């Protein structure tokens, strides 16, 4: 695990994180516990892209399995009222 004590950041500033980011995410240790994770902008963008793809795949699965229903707000409210 690529880790750095929060006290080191307090002492040196964010520059203390930069050399460690080349080896992957940096876990910031506060009170002897991993409290934060710092990742590069490139890694963050990849994470967001992967999450977007996963959400789209899940939506496509929902559509194919019939868990998605099209309708108007009025129809939706009527369905909700039927459940009560």
PDB file of N, CA and C in Angstrom:
ATOM      1  N   UNK A   1       0.862  -1.183   0.000  1.00  0.00           N
ATOM      2  CA  UNK A   1       0.000   0.000   0.000  1.00  0.00           C
ATOM      3  C   UNK A   1       0.898   1.233   0.000  1.00  0.00           C
ATOM      4  N   UNK A   2       0.591   2.162  -0.854  1.00  0.00           N
ATOM      5  CA  UNK A   2       1.276   3.436  -0.987  1.00  0.00           C
ATOM      6  C   UNK A   2       0.666   4.381   0.046  1.00  0.00           C
ATOM      7  N   UNK A   3       1.348   4.638   1.141  1.00  0.00           N
ATOM      8  CA  UNK A   3       0.746   5.391   2.244  1.00  0.00           C
ATOM      9  C   UNK A   3       1.611   6.569   2.669  1.00  0.00           C
ATOM     10  N   UNK A   4       0.948   7.549   3.256  1.00  0.00           N
ATOM     11  CA  UNK A   4       1.612   8.749   3.741  1.00  0.00           C
ATOM     12  C   UNK A   4       0.849   9.253   4.957  1.00  0.00           C
ATOM     13  N   UNK A   5       1.573   9.635   5.986  1.00  0.00           N
ATOM     14  CA  UNK A   5       0.928  10.163   7.192  1.00  0.00           C
ATOM     15  C   UNK A   5       0.418  11.575   6.944  1.00  0.00           C
ATOM     16  N   UNK A   6      -0.736  11.887   7.480  1.00  0.00           N
ATOM     17  CA  UNK A   6      -1.300  13.225   7.306  1.00  0.00           C
ATOM     18  C   UNK A   6      -0.369  14.288   7.886  1.00  0.00           C
ATOM     19  N   UNK A   7       0.382  13.935   8.916  1.00  0.00           N
ATOM     20  CA  UNK A   7       1.338  14.881   9.510  1.00  0.00           C
ATOM     21  C   UNK A   7       2.402  15.285   8.500  1.00  0.00           C
ATOM     22  N   UNK A   8       2.766  14.361   7.608  1.00  0.00           N
ATOM     23  CA  UNK A   8       3.765  14.658   6.580  1.00  0.00           C
ATOM     24  C   UNK A   8       3.210  15.668   5.576  1.00  0.00           C
ATOM     25  N   UNK A   9       1.956  15.551   5.261  1.00  0.00           N
ATOM     26  CA  UNK A   9       1.326  16.524   4.353  1.00  0.00           C
ATOM     27  C   UNK A   9       1.238  17.879   5.035  1.00  0.00           C
ATOM     28  N   UNK A  10       0.927  17.867   6.315  1.00  0.00           N
ATOM     29  CA  UNK A  10       0.853  19.120   7.065  1.00  0.00           C
ATOM     30  C   UNK A  10       2.228  19.806   7.066  1.00  0.00           C
ATOM     31  N   UNK A  11       3.263  18.996   7.181  1.00  0.00           N
ATOM     32  CA  UNK A  11       4.618  19.541   7.247  1.00  0.00           C
ATOM     33  C   UNK A  11       5.121  19.996   5.880  1.00  0.00           C
ATOM     34  N   UNK A  12       4.918  19.162   4.841  1.00  0.00           N
ATOM     35  CA  UNK A  12       5.502  19.433   3.519  1.00  0.00           C
ATOM     36  C   UNK A  12       4.522  19.950   2.492  1.00  0.00           C
ATOM     37  N   UNK A  13       3.224  19.850   2.789  1.00  0.00           N
ATOM     38  CA  UNK A  13       2.222  20.260   1.809  1.00  0.00           C
ATOM     39  C   UNK A  13       1.921  19.132   0.838  1.00  0.00           C
ATOM     40  N   UNK A  14       1.130  19.445  -0.165  1.00  0.00           N
ATOM     41  CA  UNK A  14       0.694  18.432  -1.124  1.00  0.00           C
ATOM     42  C   UNK A  14       1.864  17.888  -1.937  1.00  0.00           C
ATOM     43  N   UNK A  15       2.958  18.591  -1.975  1.00  0.00           N
ATOM     44  CA  UNK A  15       4.140  18.115  -2.696  1.00  0.00           C
ATOM     45  C   UNK A  15       4.634  16.782  -2.137  1.00  0.00           C
ATOM     46  N   UNK A  16       4.284  16.466  -0.915  1.00  0.00           N
ATOM     47  CA  UNK A  16       4.679  15.187  -0.322  1.00  0.00           C
ATOM     48  C   UNK A  16       3.989  14.021  -1.018  1.00  0.00           C
ATOM     49  N   UNK A  17       2.860  14.268  -1.658  1.00  0.00           N
ATOM     50  CA  UNK A  17       2.089  13.216  -2.321  1.00  0.00           C
ATOM     51  C   UNK A  17       2.620  12.931  -3.723  1.00  0.00           C
ATOM     52  N   UNK A  18       3.089  13.960  -4.410  1.00  0.00           N
ATOM     53  CA  UNK A  18       3.467  13.846  -5.820  1.00  0.00           C
ATOM     54  C   UNK A  18       4.395  12.680  -6.155  1.00  0.00           C
ATOM     55  N   UNK A  19       5.494  12.481  -5.450  1.00  0.00           N
ATOM     56  CA  UNK A  19       6.374  11.375  -5.834  1.00  0.00           C
ATOM     57  C   UNK A  19       5.730   9.994  -5.646  1.00  0.00           C
ATOM     58  N   UNK A  20       4.795   9.895  -4.734  1.00  0.00           N
ATOM     59  CA  UNK A  20       4.144   8.611  -4.464  1.00  0.00           C
ATOM     60  C   UNK A  20       3.067   8.270  -5.495  1.00  0.00           C
ATOM     61  N   UNK A  21       2.476   9.282  -6.113  1.00  0.00           N
ATOM     62  CA  UNK A  21       1.399   9.043  -7.070  1.00  0.00           C
ATOM     63  C   UNK A  21       1.853   8.232  -8.283  1.00  0.00           C
ATOM     64  N   UNK A  22       3.142   8.286  -8.586  1.00  0.00           N
ATOM     65  CA  UNK A  22       3.658   7.502  -9.699  1.00  0.00           C
ATOM     66  C   UNK A  22       3.517   6.007  -9.482  1.00  0.00           C
ATOM     67  N   UNK A  23       3.353   5.595  -8.235  1.00  0.00           N
ATOM     68  CA  UNK A  23       3.204   4.179  -7.892  1.00  0.00           C
ATOM     69  C   UNK A  23       1.748   3.797  -7.639  1.00  0.00           C
ATOM     70  N   UNK A  24       0.807   4.681  -7.963  1.00  0.00           N
ATOM     71  CA  UNK A  24      -0.606   4.385  -7.770  1.00  0.00           C
ATOM     72  C   UNK A  24      -1.226   5.256  -6.697  1.00  0.00           C
ATOM     73  N   UNK A  25      -2.438   4.907  -6.283  1.00  0.00           N
ATOM     74  CA  UNK A  25      -3.148   5.710  -5.275  1.00  0.00           C
ATOM     75  C   UNK A  25      -2.354   5.822  -3.977  1.00  0.00           C
ATOM     76  N   UNK A  26      -2.485   6.965  -3.326  1.00  0.00           N
ATOM     77  CA  UNK A  26      -1.796   7.212  -2.061  1.00  0.00           C
ATOM     78  C   UNK A  26      -2.831   7.245  -0.949  1.00  0.00           C
ATOM     79  N   UNK A  27      -2.673   6.375   0.014  1.00  0.00           N
ATOM     80  CA  UNK A  27      -3.559   6.326   1.177  1.00  0.00           C
ATOM     81  C   UNK A  27      -2.997   7.270   2.228  1.00  0.00           C
ATOM     82  N   UNK A  28      -3.828   8.182   2.685  1.00  0.00           N
ATOM     83  CA  UNK A  28      -3.420   9.138   3.716  1.00  0.00           C
ATOM     84  C   UNK A  28      -3.834   8.561   5.065  1.00  0.00           C
ATOM     85  N   UNK A  29      -2.860   8.428   5.931  1.00  0.00           N
ATOM     86  CA  UNK A  29      -3.082   7.846   7.252  1.00  0.00           C
ATOM     87  C   UNK A  29      -3.276   8.965   8.272  1.00  0.00           C
ATOM     88  N   UNK A  30      -4.397   8.897   8.972  1.00  0.00           N
ATOM     89  CA  UNK A  30      -4.722   9.885  10.010  1.00  0.00           C
ATOM     90  C   UNK A  30      -5.153   9.108  11.242  1.00  0.00           C
ATOM     91  N   UNK A  31      -4.559   9.396  12.379  1.00  0.00           N
ATOM     92  CA  UNK A  31      -4.853   8.683  13.622  1.00  0.00           C
ATOM     93  C   UNK A  31      -4.667   7.173  13.455  1.00  0.00           C
ATOM     94  N   UNK A  32      -3.604   6.805  12.754  1.00  0.00           N
ATOM     95  CA  UNK A  32      -3.234   5.395  12.515  1.00  0.00           C
ATOM     96  C   UNK A  32      -4.256   4.618  11.687  1.00  0.00           C
ATOM     97  N   UNK A  33      -5.112   5.322  10.962  1.00  0.00           N
ATOM     98  CA  UNK A  33      -6.104   4.669  10.104  1.00  0.00           C
ATOM     99  C   UNK A  33      -6.045   5.266   8.704  1.00  0.00           C
ATOM    100  N   UNK A  34      -6.195   4.439   7.669  1.00  0.00           N
ATOM    101  CA  UNK A  34      -6.289   5.005   6.321  1.00  0.00           C
ATOM    102  C   UNK A  34      -7.586   5.796   6.202  1.00  0.00           C
ATOM    103  N   UNK A  35      -7.469   7.114   6.027  1.00  0.00           N
ATOM    104  CA  UNK A  35      -8.645   7.984   6.053  1.00  0.00           C
ATOM    105  C   UNK A  35      -9.009   8.582   4.703  1.00  0.00           C
ATOM    106  N   UNK A  36      -8.029   8.718   3.817  1.00  0.00           N
ATOM    107  CA  UNK A  36      -8.269   9.340   2.522  1.00  0.00           C
ATOM    108  C   UNK A  36      -7.458   8.602   1.469  1.00  0.00           C
ATOM    109  N   UNK A  37      -7.860   8.765   0.217  1.00  0.00           N
ATOM    110  CA  UNK A  37      -7.097   8.228  -0.900  1.00  0.00           C
ATOM    111  C   UNK A  37      -6.946   9.344  -1.923  1.00  0.00           C
ATOM    112  N   UNK A  38      -5.718   9.556  -2.364  1.00  0.00           N
ATOM    113  CA  UNK A  38      -5.437  10.547  -3.402  1.00  0.00           C
ATOM    114  C   UNK A  38      -5.066   9.781  -4.661  1.00  0.00           C
ATOM    115  N   UNK A  39      -5.721  10.138  -5.785  1.00  0.00           N
ATOM    116  CA  UNK A  39      -5.389   9.511  -7.057  1.00  0.00           C
ATOM    117  C   UNK A  39      -5.088  10.599  -8.078  1.00  0.00           C
ATOM    118  N   UNK A  40      -4.391  10.232  -9.129  1.00  0.00           N
ATOM    119  CA  UNK A  40      -4.055  11.198 -10.175  1.00  0.00           C
ATOM    120  C   UNK A  40      -5.312  11.556 -10.960  1.00  0.00           C
ATOM    121  N   UNK A  41      -5.254  12.661 -11.656  1.00  0.00           N
ATOM    122  CA  UNK A  41      -6.374  13.072 -12.493  1.00  0.00           C
ATOM    123  C   UNK A  41      -6.679  12.036 -13.566  1.00  0.00           C
ATOM    124  N   UNK A  42      -5.641  11.438 -14.120  1.00  0.00           N
ATOM    125  CA  UNK A  42      -5.812  10.406 -15.147  1.00  0.00           C
ATOM    126  C   UNK A  42      -6.530   9.188 -14.563  1.00  0.00           C
ATOM    127  N   UNK A  43      -6.105   8.743 -13.374  1.00  0.00           N
ATOM    128  CA  UNK A  43      -6.753   7.605 -12.721  1.00  0.00           C
ATOM    129  C   UNK A  43      -8.201   7.925 -12.347  1.00  0.00           C
ATOM    130  N   UNK A  44      -8.440   9.158 -11.926  1.00  0.00           N
ATOM    131  CA  UNK A  44      -9.801   9.569 -11.587  1.00  0.00           C
ATOM    132  C   UNK A  44     -10.698   9.508 -12.819  1.00  0.00           C
ATOM    133  N   UNK A  45     -10.205  10.018 -13.945  1.00  0.00           N
ATOM    134  CA  UNK A  45     -10.997  10.006 -15.165  1.00  0.00           C
ATOM    135  C   UNK A  45     -11.293   8.578 -15.600  1.00  0.00           C
ATOM    136  N   UNK A  46     -10.306   7.674 -15.460  1.00  0.00           N
ATOM    137  CA  UNK A  46     -10.527   6.276 -15.808  1.00  0.00           C
ATOM    138  C   UNK A  46     -11.591   5.659 -14.903  1.00  0.00           C
ATOM    139  N   UNK A  47     -11.552   5.988 -13.628  1.00  0.00           N
ATOM    140  CA  UNK A  47     -12.548   5.501 -12.678  1.00  0.00           C
ATOM    141  C   UNK A  47     -13.955   5.963 -13.071  1.00  0.00           C
ATOM    142  N   UNK A  48     -14.089   7.224 -13.423  1.00  0.00           N
ATOM    143  CA  UNK A  48     -15.382   7.781 -13.838  1.00  0.00           C
ATOM    144  C   UNK A  48     -15.851   7.120 -15.132  1.00  0.00           C
ATOM    145  N   UNK A  49     -14.945   6.941 -16.082  1.00  0.00           N
ATOM    146  CA  UNK A  49     -15.306   6.290 -17.347  1.00  0.00           C
ATOM    147  C   UNK A  49     -15.769   4.858 -17.113  1.00  0.00           C
ATOM    148  N   UNK A  50     -15.055   4.126 -16.271  1.00  0.00           N
ATOM    149  CA  UNK A  50     -15.438   2.747 -15.958  1.00  0.00           C
ATOM    150  C   UNK A  50     -16.804   2.692 -15.277  1.00  0.00           C
ATOM    151  N   UNK A  51     -17.046   3.619 -14.373  1.00  0.00           N
ATOM    152  CA  UNK A  51     -18.329   3.673 -13.679  1.00  0.00           C
ATOM    153  C   UNK A  51     -19.462   3.978 -14.651  1.00  0.00           C
ATOM    154  N   UNK A  52     -19.223   4.888 -15.566  1.00  0.00           N
ATOM    155  CA  UNK A  52     -20.226   5.220 -16.573  1.00  0.00           C
ATOM    156  C   UNK A  52     -20.564   4.006 -17.424  1.00  0.00           C
ATOM    157  N   UNK A  53     -19.532   3.281 -17.856  1.00  0.00           N
ATOM    158  CA  UNK A  53     -19.753   2.073 -18.658  1.00  0.00           C
ATOM    159  C   UNK A  53     -20.535   1.028 -17.867  1.00  0.00           C
ATOM    160  N   UNK A  54     -20.218   0.866 -16.598  1.00  0.00           N
ATOM    161  CA  UNK A  54     -20.922  -0.110 -15.763  1.00  0.00           C
ATOM    162  C   UNK A  54     -22.387   0.277 -15.594  1.00  0.00           C
ATOM    163  N   UNK A  55     -22.648   1.553 -15.415  1.00  0.00           N
ATOM    164  CA  UNK A  55     -24.032   2.013 -15.273  1.00  0.00           C
ATOM    165  C   UNK A  55     -24.821   1.775 -16.553  1.00  0.00           C
ATOM    166  N   UNK A  56     -24.199   2.059 -17.703  1.00  0.00           N
ATOM    167  CA  UNK A  56     -24.875   1.830 -18.977  1.00  0.00           C
ATOM    168  C   UNK A  56     -25.166   0.349 -19.180  1.00  0.00           C
ATOM    169  N   UNK A  57     -24.191  -0.498 -18.832  1.00  0.00           N
ATOM    170  CA  UNK A  57     -24.390  -1.947 -18.964  1.00  0.00           C
ATOM    171  C   UNK A  57     -25.534  -2.420 -18.065  1.00  0.00           C
ATOM    172  N   UNK A  58     -25.593  -1.895 -16.853  1.00  0.00           N
ATOM    173  CA  UNK A  58     -26.665  -2.268 -15.932  1.00  0.00           C
ATOM    174  C   UNK A  58     -28.021  -1.811 -16.464  1.00  0.00           C
ATOM    175  N   UNK A  59     -28.065  -0.616 -17.052  1.00  0.00           N
ATOM    176  CA  UNK A  59     -29.317  -0.110 -17.622  1.00  0.00           C
ATOM    177  C   UNK A  59     -29.763  -0.973 -18.794  1.00  0.00           C
ATOM    178  N   UNK A  60     -28.817  -1.353 -19.642  1.00  0.00           N
ATOM    179  CA  UNK A  60     -29.156  -2.214 -20.778  1.00  0.00           C
ATOM    180  C   UNK A  60     -29.689  -3.562 -20.296  1.00  0.00           C
ATOM    181  N   UNK A  61     -29.095  -4.097 -19.245  1.00  0.00           N
ATOM    182  CA  UNK A  61     -29.570  -5.355 -18.665  1.00  0.00           C
ATOM    183  C   UNK A  61     -30.993  -5.207 -18.137  1.00  0.00           C
ATOM    184  N   UNK A  62     -31.260  -4.093 -17.462  1.00  0.00           N
ATOM    185  CA  UNK A  62     -32.612  -3.831 -16.948  1.00  0.00           C
ATOM    186  C   UNK A  62     -33.631  -3.756 -18.077  1.00  0.00           C
ATOM    187  N   UNK A  63     -33.261  -3.094 -19.172  1.00  0.00           N
ATOM    188  CA  UNK A  63     -34.171  -2.963 -20.305  1.00  0.00           C
ATOM    189  C   UNK A  63     -34.445  -4.333 -20.923  1.00  0.00           C
ATOM    190  N   UNK A  64     -33.380  -5.104 -21.142  1.00  0.00           N
ATOM    191  CA  UNK A  64     -33.528  -6.422 -21.772  1.00  0.00           C
ATOM    192  C   UNK A  64     -34.330  -7.389 -20.907  1.00  0.00           C
ATOM    193  N   UNK A  65     -34.254  -7.248 -19.597  1.00  0.00           N
ATOM    194  CA  UNK A  65     -34.958  -8.170 -18.701  1.00  0.00           C
ATOM    195  C   UNK A  65     -36.390  -7.724 -18.406  1.00  0.00           C
ATOM    196  N   UNK A  66     -36.781  -6.562 -18.938  1.00  0.00           N
ATOM    197  CA  UNK A  66     -38.149  -6.099 -18.752  1.00  0.00           C
ATOM    198  C   UNK A  66     -38.388  -5.352 -17.450  1.00  0.00           C
ATOM    199  N   UNK A  67     -37.335  -4.936 -16.780  1.00  0.00           N
ATOM    200  CA  UNK A  67     -37.515  -4.204 -15.526  1.00  0.00           C
ATOM    201  C   UNK A  67     -37.743  -2.709 -15.738  1.00  0.00           C
ATOM    202  N   UNK A  68     -37.754  -2.281 -17.006  1.00  0.00           N
ATOM    203  CA  UNK A  68     -37.972  -0.872 -17.314  1.00  0.00           C
ATOM    204  C   UNK A  68     -39.320  -0.746 -18.010  1.00  0.00           C
ATOM    205  N   UNK A  69     -40.126   0.177 -17.525  1.00  0.00           N
ATOM    206  CA  UNK A  69     -41.451   0.390 -18.104  1.00  0.00           C
ATOM    207  C   UNK A  69     -41.566   1.846 -18.529  1.00  0.00           C
ATOM    208  N   UNK A  70     -42.050   2.069 -19.727  1.00  0.00           N
ATOM    209  CA  UNK A  70     -42.250   3.426 -20.220  1.00  0.00           C
ATOM    210  C   UNK A  70     -43.670   3.861 -19.920  1.00  0.00           C
ATOM    211  N   UNK A  71     -43.814   5.149 -19.667  1.00  0.00           N
ATOM    212  CA  UNK A  71     -45.144   5.679 -19.405  1.00  0.00           C
ATOM    213  C   UNK A  71     -45.068   7.137 -19.014  1.00  0.00           C
ATOM    214  N   UNK A  72     -46.212   7.688 -18.732  1.00  0.00           N
ATOM    215  CA  UNK A  72     -46.300   9.093 -18.331  1.00  0.00           C
ATOM    216  C   UNK A  72     -46.249   9.190 -16.804  1.00  0.00           C
ATOM    217  N   UNK A  73     -46.082  10.375 -16.326  1.00  0.00           N
ATOM    218  CA  UNK A  73     -46.103  10.613 -14.889  1.00  0.00           C
ATOM    219  C   UNK A  73     -47.451  10.201 -14.302  1.00  0.00           C
ATOM    220  N   UNK A  74     -48.508  10.498 -15.011  1.00  0.00           N
ATOM    221  CA  UNK A  74     -49.843  10.144 -14.541  1.00  0.00           C
ATOM    222  C   UNK A  74     -49.972   8.626 -14.386  1.00  0.00           C
ATOM    223  N   UNK A  75     -49.451   7.878 -15.346  1.00  0.00           N
ATOM    224  CA  UNK A  75     -49.499   6.419 -15.271  1.00  0.00           C
ATOM    225  C   UNK A  75     -48.672   5.905 -14.091  1.00  0.00           C
ATOM    226  N   UNK A  76     -47.501   6.496 -13.902  1.00  0.00           N
ATOM    227  CA  UNK A  76     -46.642   6.100 -12.781  1.00  0.00           C
ATOM    228  C   UNK A  76     -47.333   6.349 -11.450  1.00  0.00           C
ATOM    229  N   UNK A  77     -47.928   7.517 -11.296  1.00  0.00           N
ATOM    230  CA  UNK A  77     -48.615   7.851 -10.049  1.00  0.00           C
ATOM    231  C   UNK A  77     -49.792   6.903  -9.817  1.00  0.00           C
ATOM    232  N   UNK A  78     -50.456   6.519 -10.880  1.00  0.00           N
ATOM    233  CA  UNK A  78     -51.565   5.566 -10.759  1.00  0.00           C
ATOM    234  C   UNK A  78     -51.064   4.223 -10.264  1.00  0.00           C
ATOM    235  N   UNK A  79     -49.931   3.771 -10.779  1.00  0.00           N
ATOM    236  CA  UNK A  79     -49.332   2.499 -10.335  1.00  0.00           C
ATOM    237  C   UNK A  79     -48.929   2.582  -8.856  1.00  0.00           C
ATOM    238  N   UNK A  80     -48.377   3.696  -8.457  1.00  0.00           N
ATOM    239  CA  UNK A  80     -47.970   3.880  -7.056  1.00  0.00           C
ATOM    240  C   UNK A  80     -49.201   3.845  -6.152  1.00  0.00           C
ATOM    241  N   UNK A  81     -50.278   4.519  -6.578  1.00  0.00           N
ATOM    242  CA  UNK A  81     -51.516   4.543  -5.785  1.00  0.00           C
ATOM    243  C   UNK A  81     -52.098   3.156  -5.632  1.00  0.00           C
ATOM    244  N   UNK A  82     -51.970   2.309  -6.657  1.00  0.00           N
ATOM    245  CA  UNK A  82     -52.484   0.939  -6.587  1.00  0.00           C
ATOM    246  C   UNK A  82     -51.761   0.123  -5.525  1.00  0.00           C
ATOM    247  N   UNK A  83     -50.475   0.415  -5.302  1.00  0.00           N
ATOM    248  CA  UNK A  83     -49.680  -0.329  -4.315  1.00  0.00           C
ATOM    249  C   UNK A  83     -50.083   0.032  -2.889  1.00  0.00           C
ATOM    250  N   UNK A  84     -50.637   1.219  -2.686  1.00  0.00           N
ATOM    251  CA  UNK A  84     -51.041   1.654  -1.332  1.00  0.00           C
ATOM    252  C   UNK A  84     -52.307   0.983  -0.971  1.00  0.00           C
TER     253      UNK A  84
END
